């Protein structure tokens, strides 16, 4: 009965995604940003909320958000202003956050997501600029909350979706697409675990077919894409069960408890008027000129969707392989670099999709941490293409190269894996095998052609794996078929 009841409802989900930008300094203060620095070392009087300090806009904050807006089809406001969002932040000493309210710089965009069963377009309400708060630390002192202000003032963009998302799976796909876009634009590293990409979800349910939204709750404290999916799934079912049992959903902010795998109430949900927004008096309006907009448009890279299509057409690969190779900008760059060295797109994709991805998955690393450069990998594949090594040797050399800096050919010689393609060396071996196996020779001549594998295996054994299998096969076939 409970499953039937759940089928009566649909979820309405909107996501607010904060992306921490890869600028060298903070949003409004000339101080370096570096993740993992000693607490409270990356601060200025402005970060500390000292009276008399004045903010100055980081130009790259503006340029990066416009890049994101253009990449997602947004309109770009030619004039936008900052606002003060007044709220008690224990880790933002000045007592307010510089953000944007009624004049976001980017608005009315869209992001396309692909799921197994269907594709969908998620609308973007706005993308606006703001600064981050510091970090409250609750687990290092049994009596006190510690505050690290290094992050205070770090430039953020907030990407606010329309309430177009209906399932946790759509939310996961939407977040993955945002991560992919910001990484391709090189404006954010997309690392949710380190907090450089953060997500809040607004979730409500309503009877299917009804246009009016239900009462929403806001979910926070979700530190991975998978936890976003789990938290939304839990919250949808919690609200449906509550309604079916005669209760009422209360508008509130809820935290995702990763240990209990459930949401729990944090506080009543704030509305815009609770923040007492007003124009930031210390910052001038942001004016985007035609020249600036055109200049930023020219800086836009080839995004994943376009790159996928090009890979299919230019390199004649399957759509599945193209999607895998372009999922990460850095993996796609690596693949194209290998292709450029080799001049063989198919051989490059084979090695990257098999051996390279295997290592990335096993070690849980990014291609940027992979120890074999594109030039060295290309040399290894070239040895195989030139019939200097076989497939088994390629894997052995590849594994050796992971932990060393020698060339593929150096390892091949060191490990005695160079194939012999000298017919003068191989012919006596083949003659001896044929002479020593008259029964198998007769069966081959009687039509058991699959015995060719037996003869090749004997030759490989006799040559201690050095023989070129293709040349061995040609020699044996020539002698037995005549």
Protein backbone atom coordinates (compact mmCIF):
# COMPACT_ATOMS: atom_id res chain seq x y z
CA UNK A 1 0.00 0.00 0.00
CA UNK A 2 2.85 2.37 0.83
CA UNK A 3 4.39 1.87 -2.64
CA UNK A 4 1.02 2.64 -4.25
CA UNK A 5 0.73 5.77 -2.12
CA UNK A 6 4.17 6.92 -3.27
CA UNK A 7 3.13 6.54 -6.89
CA UNK A 8 0.42 9.14 -6.25
CA UNK A 9 3.05 11.85 -5.73
CA UNK A 10 5.85 13.50 -7.62
CA UNK A 11 8.81 15.40 -6.26
CA UNK A 12 9.69 18.97 -7.16
CA UNK A 13 13.39 19.67 -6.68
CA UNK A 14 15.53 22.75 -7.16
CA UNK A 15 19.27 22.87 -6.53
CA UNK A 16 21.47 25.72 -5.37
CA UNK A 17 25.08 24.94 -6.24
CA UNK A 18 28.00 26.97 -4.95
CA UNK A 19 31.22 26.75 -6.93
CA UNK A 20 34.42 28.06 -5.36
CA UNK A 21 36.42 29.79 -8.07
CA UNK A 22 40.06 29.13 -8.97
CA UNK A 23 41.15 32.73 -8.63
CA UNK A 24 44.52 33.45 -7.07
CA UNK A 25 43.07 35.89 -4.54
CA UNK A 26 39.84 36.49 -2.67
CA UNK A 27 36.71 38.12 -4.02
CA UNK A 28 37.27 41.55 -2.48
CA UNK A 29 40.71 41.42 -0.83
CA UNK A 30 44.26 40.99 -2.22
CA UNK A 31 45.14 37.88 -0.25
CA UNK A 32 46.20 34.50 -1.60
CA UNK A 33 43.84 31.51 -1.45
CA UNK A 34 45.36 28.08 -0.96
CA UNK A 35 43.45 25.03 0.23
CA UNK A 36 44.97 23.38 3.28
CA UNK A 37 46.93 26.38 4.54
CA UNK A 38 47.55 26.86 8.26
CA UNK A 39 44.39 28.26 9.95
CA UNK A 40 43.89 32.02 9.88
CA UNK A 41 47.00 32.75 7.81
CA UNK A 42 45.21 33.86 4.63
CA UNK A 43 43.42 36.88 6.04
CA UNK A 44 43.43 40.68 5.82
CA UNK A 45 41.74 43.34 7.96
CA UNK A 46 38.80 43.14 5.52
CA UNK A 47 38.44 39.38 6.11
CA UNK A 48 38.52 40.07 9.86
CA UNK A 49 35.73 42.65 9.64
CA UNK A 50 37.84 45.58 10.84
CA UNK A 51 36.12 48.99 10.62
CA UNK A 52 37.20 51.28 7.81
CA UNK A 53 38.21 48.53 5.38
CA UNK A 54 36.87 48.71 1.84
CA UNK A 55 36.30 45.86 -0.63
CA UNK A 56 37.73 45.90 -4.17
CA UNK A 57 36.26 43.54 -6.78
CA UNK A 58 38.43 40.73 -8.16
CA UNK A 59 38.15 41.07 -11.95
CA UNK A 60 38.45 37.32 -12.48
CA UNK A 61 35.37 36.76 -10.33
CA UNK A 62 33.42 38.70 -12.96
CA UNK A 63 35.10 37.05 -15.93
CA UNK A 64 34.67 33.52 -14.56
CA UNK A 65 30.98 33.92 -13.82
CA UNK A 66 30.38 35.32 -17.30
CA UNK A 67 32.15 32.27 -18.74
CA UNK A 68 29.78 30.04 -16.78
CA UNK A 69 26.81 32.07 -17.91
CA UNK A 70 27.77 31.89 -21.58
CA UNK A 71 28.51 28.16 -21.33
CA UNK A 72 24.98 27.54 -19.99
CA UNK A 73 23.13 29.81 -22.40
CA UNK A 74 22.41 32.57 -19.88
CA UNK A 75 21.65 36.17 -20.65
CA UNK A 76 24.32 38.46 -19.22
CA UNK A 77 23.22 41.65 -17.48
CA UNK A 78 25.15 44.65 -18.75
CA UNK A 79 24.75 46.29 -15.34
CA UNK A 80 24.45 44.47 -12.04
CA UNK A 81 25.01 45.45 -8.43
CA UNK A 82 26.14 43.77 -5.25
CA UNK A 83 23.99 43.51 -2.14
CA UNK A 84 24.59 42.99 1.55
CA UNK A 85 23.00 39.85 2.92
CA UNK A 86 22.69 40.44 6.65
CA UNK A 87 22.83 37.33 8.77
CA UNK A 88 24.72 36.10 11.80
CA UNK A 89 27.70 34.21 10.41
CA UNK A 90 30.00 33.09 13.27
CA UNK A 91 32.74 32.62 10.67
CA UNK A 92 32.24 35.88 8.72
CA UNK A 93 33.28 38.59 11.21
CA UNK A 94 31.77 41.63 9.48
CA UNK A 95 28.28 40.18 10.06
CA UNK A 96 27.08 40.23 6.47
CA UNK A 97 27.89 38.58 3.18
CA UNK A 98 28.52 40.48 -0.04
CA UNK A 99 26.27 38.81 -2.60
CA UNK A 100 23.78 39.71 -5.31
CA UNK A 101 20.02 39.83 -4.87
CA UNK A 102 17.64 41.33 -7.42
CA UNK A 103 20.22 41.97 -10.16
CA UNK A 104 22.14 38.73 -10.83
CA UNK A 105 24.79 39.04 -13.51
CA UNK A 106 23.64 35.87 -15.36
CA UNK A 107 20.07 34.64 -15.70
CA UNK A 108 17.66 32.48 -17.75
CA UNK A 109 20.05 29.70 -18.77
CA UNK A 110 19.72 25.93 -19.09
CA UNK A 111 21.68 22.73 -18.60
CA UNK A 112 21.02 19.56 -20.58
CA UNK A 113 21.33 16.25 -18.75
CA UNK A 114 21.41 12.73 -20.15
CA UNK A 115 20.04 9.69 -18.36
CA UNK A 116 19.79 6.13 -19.67
CA UNK A 117 16.08 6.39 -20.49
CA UNK A 118 15.78 10.04 -21.56
CA UNK A 119 17.41 13.45 -21.90
CA UNK A 120 16.11 16.56 -20.16
CA UNK A 121 16.72 20.30 -19.97
CA UNK A 122 16.94 21.90 -16.52
CA UNK A 123 16.34 25.64 -16.47
CA UNK A 124 18.65 28.02 -14.63
CA UNK A 125 17.00 30.89 -12.77
CA UNK A 126 20.20 32.78 -12.11
CA UNK A 127 23.94 32.61 -11.52
CA UNK A 128 25.22 35.26 -9.16
CA UNK A 129 28.47 36.28 -7.44
CA UNK A 130 29.17 36.25 -3.72
CA UNK A 131 31.85 35.61 -1.12
CA UNK A 132 32.25 32.54 1.03
CA UNK A 133 32.14 32.41 4.81
CA UNK A 134 34.92 30.96 6.94
CA UNK A 135 34.86 27.52 8.47
CA UNK A 136 33.58 26.53 11.93
CA UNK A 137 35.39 23.49 13.36
CA UNK A 138 33.49 21.50 15.97
CA UNK A 139 35.56 18.34 16.41
CA UNK A 140 38.99 19.57 17.55
CA UNK A 141 38.09 20.97 20.97
CA UNK A 142 35.66 19.31 23.39
CA UNK A 143 34.43 22.64 24.78
CA UNK A 144 34.77 25.24 22.03
CA UNK A 145 34.03 25.76 18.36
CA UNK A 146 37.14 26.88 16.49
CA UNK A 147 36.99 29.28 13.56
CA UNK A 148 39.30 29.30 10.52
CA UNK A 149 38.87 32.44 8.44
CA UNK A 150 41.11 31.38 5.53
CA UNK A 151 38.03 30.66 3.42
CA UNK A 152 36.21 33.87 4.39
CA UNK A 153 35.92 36.05 1.31
CA UNK A 154 36.76 33.29 -1.19
CA UNK A 155 34.95 34.05 -4.49
CA UNK A 156 31.88 31.93 -5.18
CA UNK A 157 29.28 31.68 -7.87
CA UNK A 158 25.85 30.36 -6.94
CA UNK A 159 23.98 28.48 -9.65
CA UNK A 160 20.25 28.35 -8.93
CA UNK A 161 18.12 25.94 -10.93
CA UNK A 162 14.46 26.16 -11.75
CA UNK A 163 12.34 23.58 -9.86
CA UNK A 164 12.54 21.31 -12.93
CA UNK A 165 14.19 18.29 -11.29
CA UNK A 166 11.87 15.40 -10.44
CA UNK A 167 14.08 12.53 -9.23
CA UNK A 168 17.28 12.01 -7.23
CA UNK A 169 18.83 10.54 -10.38
CA UNK A 170 18.14 13.75 -12.32
CA UNK A 171 19.74 15.73 -9.48
CA UNK A 172 22.85 13.53 -9.66
CA UNK A 173 23.09 13.96 -13.44
CA UNK A 174 22.59 17.75 -13.14
CA UNK A 175 25.36 18.06 -10.54
CA UNK A 176 27.69 15.91 -12.64
CA UNK A 177 27.06 18.19 -15.63
CA UNK A 178 27.82 21.32 -13.61
CA UNK A 179 31.05 19.76 -12.37
CA UNK A 180 31.99 18.87 -15.94
CA UNK A 181 31.27 22.40 -17.22
CA UNK A 182 33.23 24.24 -14.49
CA UNK A 183 36.19 21.90 -15.00
CA UNK A 184 36.14 22.42 -18.77
CA UNK A 185 36.02 26.19 -18.19
CA UNK A 186 38.83 25.78 -15.60
CA UNK A 187 37.05 28.07 -13.15
CA UNK A 188 36.53 25.49 -10.35
CA UNK A 189 38.10 22.11 -9.60
CA UNK A 190 34.68 20.62 -8.76
CA UNK A 191 35.94 18.85 -5.64
CA UNK A 192 32.89 18.35 -3.43
CA UNK A 193 34.85 16.60 -0.68
CA UNK A 194 37.08 19.67 -0.24
CA UNK A 195 34.07 21.99 -0.39
CA UNK A 196 34.90 23.72 -3.66
CA UNK A 197 31.56 22.51 -5.06
CA UNK A 198 28.65 22.53 -2.60
CA UNK A 199 24.97 21.88 -3.03
CA UNK A 200 21.76 22.69 -1.18
CA UNK A 201 18.52 21.07 -2.34
CA UNK A 202 14.97 22.40 -2.04
CA UNK A 203 12.58 19.44 -2.00
CA UNK A 204 8.79 19.24 -1.96
CA UNK A 205 6.18 16.71 -3.06
CA UNK A 206 2.74 17.14 -4.60
CA UNK A 207 0.00 14.84 -5.92
CA UNK A 208 0.66 13.93 -9.54
CA UNK A 209 -1.15 16.25 -11.92
CA UNK A 210 -1.37 19.18 -9.50
CA UNK A 211 0.41 22.39 -10.53
CA UNK A 212 0.70 23.99 -7.11
CA UNK A 213 3.93 23.20 -5.28
CA UNK A 214 3.96 21.55 -1.87
CA UNK A 215 5.77 22.94 1.17
CA UNK A 216 9.51 22.66 0.62
CA UNK A 217 12.40 21.82 2.87
CA UNK A 218 16.01 22.78 2.26
CA UNK A 219 18.68 20.08 2.60
CA UNK A 220 22.24 20.91 3.63
CA UNK A 221 25.46 19.13 4.67
CA UNK A 222 25.72 16.92 1.57
CA UNK A 223 29.41 16.39 0.79
CA UNK A 224 29.25 14.14 -2.27
CA UNK A 225 27.09 13.63 -5.34
CA UNK A 226 25.97 10.28 -3.97
CA UNK A 227 24.94 11.84 -0.66
CA UNK A 228 22.91 14.47 -2.52
CA UNK A 229 21.08 11.65 -4.29
CA UNK A 230 20.54 9.72 -1.04
CA UNK A 231 19.39 12.75 0.94
CA UNK A 232 16.84 13.77 -1.70
CA UNK A 233 15.54 10.20 -1.93
CA UNK A 234 15.13 10.04 1.84
CA UNK A 235 13.45 13.43 2.05
CA UNK A 236 10.94 12.62 -0.72
CA UNK A 237 9.82 9.46 1.06
CA UNK A 238 9.80 11.20 4.46
CA UNK A 239 7.43 13.88 3.17
CA UNK A 240 5.14 11.40 1.41
CA UNK A 241 4.93 9.20 4.51
CA UNK A 242 4.18 12.26 6.64
CA UNK A 243 1.36 13.39 4.34
CA UNK A 244 -0.11 9.89 4.05
CA UNK A 245 -0.15 9.58 7.85
CA UNK A 246 -2.18 12.80 8.12
CA UNK A 247 0.71 15.09 9.02
CA UNK A 248 1.88 18.33 7.46
CA UNK A 249 5.25 19.22 5.94
CA UNK A 250 6.84 22.18 7.73
CA UNK A 251 9.10 24.60 5.85
CA UNK A 252 12.51 24.20 7.42
CA UNK A 253 16.20 23.60 6.83
CA UNK A 254 17.27 20.00 7.38
CA UNK A 255 20.72 18.43 7.66
CA UNK A 256 21.74 15.14 6.05
CA UNK A 257 23.13 12.79 8.69
CA UNK A 258 25.63 10.56 6.87
CA UNK A 259 25.97 8.13 9.79
CA UNK A 260 22.21 7.53 10.19
CA UNK A 261 21.47 8.06 6.48
CA UNK A 262 18.55 10.36 7.28
CA UNK A 263 17.66 14.05 7.35
CA UNK A 264 17.07 15.89 10.61
CA UNK A 265 15.70 19.32 11.40
CA UNK A 266 18.21 22.16 11.79
CA UNK A 267 16.14 25.36 11.89
CA UNK A 268 13.11 27.03 10.34
CA UNK A 269 13.74 28.04 6.74
CA UNK A 270 14.65 31.69 6.19
CA UNK A 271 13.01 33.83 3.53
CA UNK A 272 14.66 36.63 1.55
CA UNK A 273 13.24 39.33 3.82
CA UNK A 274 14.96 37.69 6.80
CA UNK A 275 18.31 38.70 5.33
CA UNK A 276 17.42 42.42 5.02
CA UNK A 277 19.14 42.77 1.64
CA UNK A 278 20.20 46.25 0.56
CA UNK A 279 22.63 47.52 -2.12
CA UNK A 280 26.30 47.23 -1.14
CA UNK A 281 27.40 50.87 -0.67
CA UNK A 282 31.14 50.21 -0.94
CA UNK A 283 31.17 48.58 -4.41
CA UNK A 284 30.26 50.22 -7.72
CA UNK A 285 27.93 48.51 -10.21
CA UNK A 286 29.47 45.88 -12.50
CA UNK A 287 29.35 47.11 -16.09
CA UNK A 288 29.83 44.51 -18.84
CA UNK A 289 30.81 46.12 -22.13
CA UNK A 290 30.37 44.66 -25.62
CA UNK A 291 34.16 44.40 -25.95
CA UNK A 292 34.47 42.51 -22.65
CA UNK A 293 31.68 40.10 -23.58
CA UNK A 294 33.21 39.35 -26.98
CA UNK A 295 36.64 38.86 -25.46
CA UNK A 296 35.28 36.32 -22.94
CA UNK A 297 33.31 34.52 -25.67
CA UNK A 298 36.54 34.01 -27.60
CA UNK A 299 38.16 32.49 -24.49
CA UNK A 300 35.49 29.80 -24.14
CA UNK A 301 36.90 26.29 -24.69
CA UNK A 302 35.32 23.45 -26.63
CA UNK A 303 32.86 21.98 -24.11
CA UNK A 304 32.22 18.29 -23.54
CA UNK A 305 29.08 17.96 -25.70
CA UNK A 306 30.80 19.48 -28.72
CA UNK A 307 33.97 17.50 -28.09
CA UNK A 308 32.01 14.23 -27.95
CA UNK A 309 30.54 14.84 -31.39
CA UNK A 310 33.96 15.77 -32.78
CA UNK A 311 35.55 12.61 -31.38
CA UNK A 312 32.86 10.48 -33.03
CA UNK A 313 33.28 12.22 -36.39
CA UNK A 314 37.03 12.93 -36.44
CA UNK A 315 38.33 9.80 -34.71
CA UNK A 316 35.54 7.45 -35.85
CA UNK A 317 34.89 6.13 -32.34
CA UNK A 318 31.64 4.95 -30.78
CA UNK A 319 29.46 7.42 -28.86
CA UNK A 320 30.01 5.38 -25.68
CA UNK A 321 33.81 5.72 -25.99
CA UNK A 322 33.50 9.42 -26.84
CA UNK A 323 31.36 10.07 -23.75
CA UNK A 324 33.88 8.25 -21.53
CA UNK A 325 36.90 10.06 -22.95
CA UNK A 326 35.33 13.53 -22.77
CA UNK A 327 33.74 13.17 -19.33
CA UNK A 328 36.83 14.87 -17.92
CA UNK A 329 38.51 17.71 -19.80
CA UNK A 330 41.88 16.51 -18.56
CA UNK A 331 41.30 12.91 -19.73
CA UNK A 332 40.19 14.20 -23.14
CA UNK A 333 43.30 16.40 -23.32
CA UNK A 334 45.50 13.43 -22.41
CA UNK A 335 43.87 11.22 -25.05
CA UNK A 336 44.32 13.85 -27.75
CA UNK A 337 47.97 14.31 -26.77
CA UNK A 338 48.56 10.53 -27.08
CA UNK A 339 46.77 10.59 -30.46
CA UNK A 340 48.97 13.45 -31.66
CA UNK A 341 52.16 11.55 -30.75
CA UNK A 342 50.94 8.28 -32.26
CA UNK A 343 48.98 9.47 -35.27
CA UNK A 344 46.60 6.57 -34.58
CA UNK A 345 43.36 7.54 -32.76
CA UNK A 346 42.15 3.94 -32.46
CA UNK A 347 45.35 2.67 -30.83
CA UNK A 348 45.34 5.69 -28.50
CA UNK A 349 41.74 5.11 -27.40
CA UNK A 350 42.37 1.40 -26.85
CA UNK A 351 45.24 1.97 -24.41
CA UNK A 352 43.55 4.87 -22.59
CA UNK A 353 40.17 3.17 -22.24
CA UNK A 354 41.70 -0.09 -21.04
CA UNK A 355 44.99 0.24 -19.17
CA UNK A 356 44.93 3.93 -18.21
CA UNK A 357 41.33 3.96 -16.93
CA UNK A 358 41.95 0.72 -15.07
CA UNK A 359 44.76 2.35 -13.09
CA UNK A 360 42.77 5.55 -12.48
CA UNK A 361 39.89 3.50 -11.06
CA UNK A 362 42.08 1.17 -9.00
CA UNK A 363 44.06 4.02 -7.47
CA UNK A 364 41.10 6.46 -7.28
CA UNK A 365 43.16 9.20 -8.92
CA UNK A 366 42.63 11.83 -11.59
CA UNK A 367 44.48 11.67 -14.93
CA UNK A 368 46.51 14.68 -13.74
CA UNK A 369 48.04 12.40 -11.07
CA UNK A 370 48.77 9.59 -13.55
CA UNK A 371 52.50 8.86 -13.65
CA UNK A 372 52.93 7.95 -17.33
CA UNK A 373 53.02 10.99 -19.58
CA UNK A 374 51.38 10.98 -23.00
CA UNK A 375 54.77 10.86 -24.73
CA UNK A 376 55.96 7.79 -22.80
CA UNK A 377 52.63 5.98 -23.25
CA UNK A 378 52.76 6.68 -26.98
CA UNK A 379 56.23 5.17 -27.21
CA UNK A 380 54.92 1.99 -25.55
CA UNK A 381 52.01 1.67 -27.99
CA UNK A 382 54.38 2.35 -30.89
CA UNK A 383 56.53 -0.65 -29.86
CA UNK A 384 53.42 -2.82 -30.14
CA UNK A 385 52.39 -1.30 -33.47
CA UNK A 386 55.88 -1.94 -34.85
CA UNK A 387 55.67 -5.59 -33.74
CA UNK A 388 58.61 -5.12 -31.38
CA UNK A 389 56.55 -6.37 -28.42
CA UNK A 390 53.36 -8.42 -28.05
CA UNK A 391 50.21 -7.66 -26.03
CA UNK A 392 51.44 -9.54 -22.97
CA UNK A 393 54.73 -7.63 -23.01
CA UNK A 394 52.87 -4.34 -23.39
CA UNK A 395 51.00 -4.95 -20.14
CA UNK A 396 54.16 -5.96 -18.28
CA UNK A 397 56.04 -2.88 -19.48
CA UNK A 398 53.04 -0.63 -18.73
CA UNK A 399 52.93 -1.84 -15.12
CA UNK A 400 56.67 -1.27 -14.80
CA UNK A 401 56.36 2.26 -16.18
CA UNK A 402 53.83 3.19 -13.49
CA UNK A 403 56.56 3.20 -10.85
CA UNK A 404 59.59 4.18 -12.90
CA UNK A 405 60.75 6.91 -15.25
CA UNK A 406 62.54 4.88 -17.92
CA UNK A 407 61.30 4.74 -21.50
CA UNK A 408 59.17 1.86 -22.76
CA UNK A 409 62.01 0.60 -24.95
CA UNK A 410 64.47 0.66 -22.05
CA UNK A 411 62.12 -1.47 -19.97
CA UNK A 412 61.45 -3.79 -22.92
CA UNK A 413 65.19 -4.46 -23.32
CA UNK A 414 65.77 -4.67 -19.57
CA UNK A 415 62.96 -7.24 -19.23
CA UNK A 416 64.08 -9.10 -22.38
CA UNK A 417 60.68 -8.59 -24.03
CA UNK A 418 61.71 -7.35 -27.47
CA UNK A 419 60.16 -9.64 -30.10
CA UNK A 420 62.35 -11.37 -32.67
CA UNK A 421 61.15 -10.66 -36.19
CA UNK A 422 64.19 -12.15 -37.90
CA UNK A 423 63.04 -15.03 -40.13
CA UNK A 424 66.61 -16.37 -40.15
CA UNK A 425 66.37 -16.90 -36.37
CA UNK A 426 62.78 -18.19 -36.41
CA UNK A 427 62.86 -20.54 -39.40
CA UNK A 428 65.07 -23.23 -37.74
CA UNK A 429 62.74 -23.19 -34.71
CA UNK A 430 59.69 -23.67 -36.94
CA UNK A 431 61.40 -26.46 -38.91
CA UNK A 432 62.27 -28.31 -35.70
CA UNK A 433 58.69 -28.05 -34.36
CA UNK A 434 57.25 -29.39 -37.62
CA UNK A 435 59.81 -32.22 -37.63
CA UNK A 436 59.07 -33.17 -34.00
CA UNK A 437 55.27 -33.27 -34.42
CA UNK A 438 54.43 -35.42 -37.49
CA UNK A 439 51.01 -36.53 -36.16
CA UNK A 440 49.86 -32.93 -35.66
CA UNK A 441 51.25 -32.00 -39.11
CA UNK A 442 49.19 -34.77 -40.74
CA UNK A 443 46.02 -33.79 -38.88
CA UNK A 444 46.58 -30.18 -39.98
CA UNK A 445 46.97 -31.28 -43.60
CA UNK A 446 43.78 -33.37 -43.23
CA UNK A 447 41.80 -30.23 -42.45
CA UNK A 448 42.31 -29.50 -38.72
CA UNK A 449 43.46 -25.94 -39.44
CA UNK A 450 42.88 -24.86 -35.83
CA UNK A 451 46.09 -26.73 -34.96
CA UNK A 452 47.93 -23.65 -36.18
CA UNK A 453 47.58 -22.39 -32.61
CA UNK A 454 49.43 -25.44 -31.31
CA UNK A 455 52.40 -24.83 -33.62
CA UNK A 456 52.52 -21.12 -32.75
CA UNK A 457 52.45 -21.94 -29.05
CA UNK A 458 55.33 -24.40 -29.45
CA UNK A 459 57.34 -21.77 -31.33
CA UNK A 460 56.68 -19.12 -28.66
CA UNK A 461 57.78 -21.59 -25.99
CA UNK A 462 60.93 -22.54 -27.88
CA UNK A 463 61.84 -18.88 -28.42
CA UNK A 464 61.08 -18.05 -24.74
CA UNK A 465 58.31 -15.67 -25.83
CA UNK A 466 60.57 -13.58 -28.07
CA UNK A 467 59.16 -14.70 -31.41
CA UNK A 468 56.86 -12.39 -33.34
CA UNK A 469 53.60 -14.45 -33.37
CA UNK A 470 52.48 -12.99 -36.70
CA UNK A 471 55.75 -13.91 -38.43
CA UNK A 472 55.70 -17.37 -36.81
CA UNK A 473 52.17 -17.94 -38.10
CA UNK A 474 53.16 -16.86 -41.60
CA UNK A 475 56.20 -19.19 -41.59
CA UNK A 476 54.24 -22.20 -40.31
CA UNK A 477 51.35 -21.65 -42.71
CA UNK A 478 53.73 -21.31 -45.65
CA UNK A 479 55.52 -24.59 -44.78
CA UNK A 480 52.43 -26.66 -43.95
CA UNK A 481 50.26 -25.48 -46.84
CA UNK A 482 52.85 -26.28 -49.49
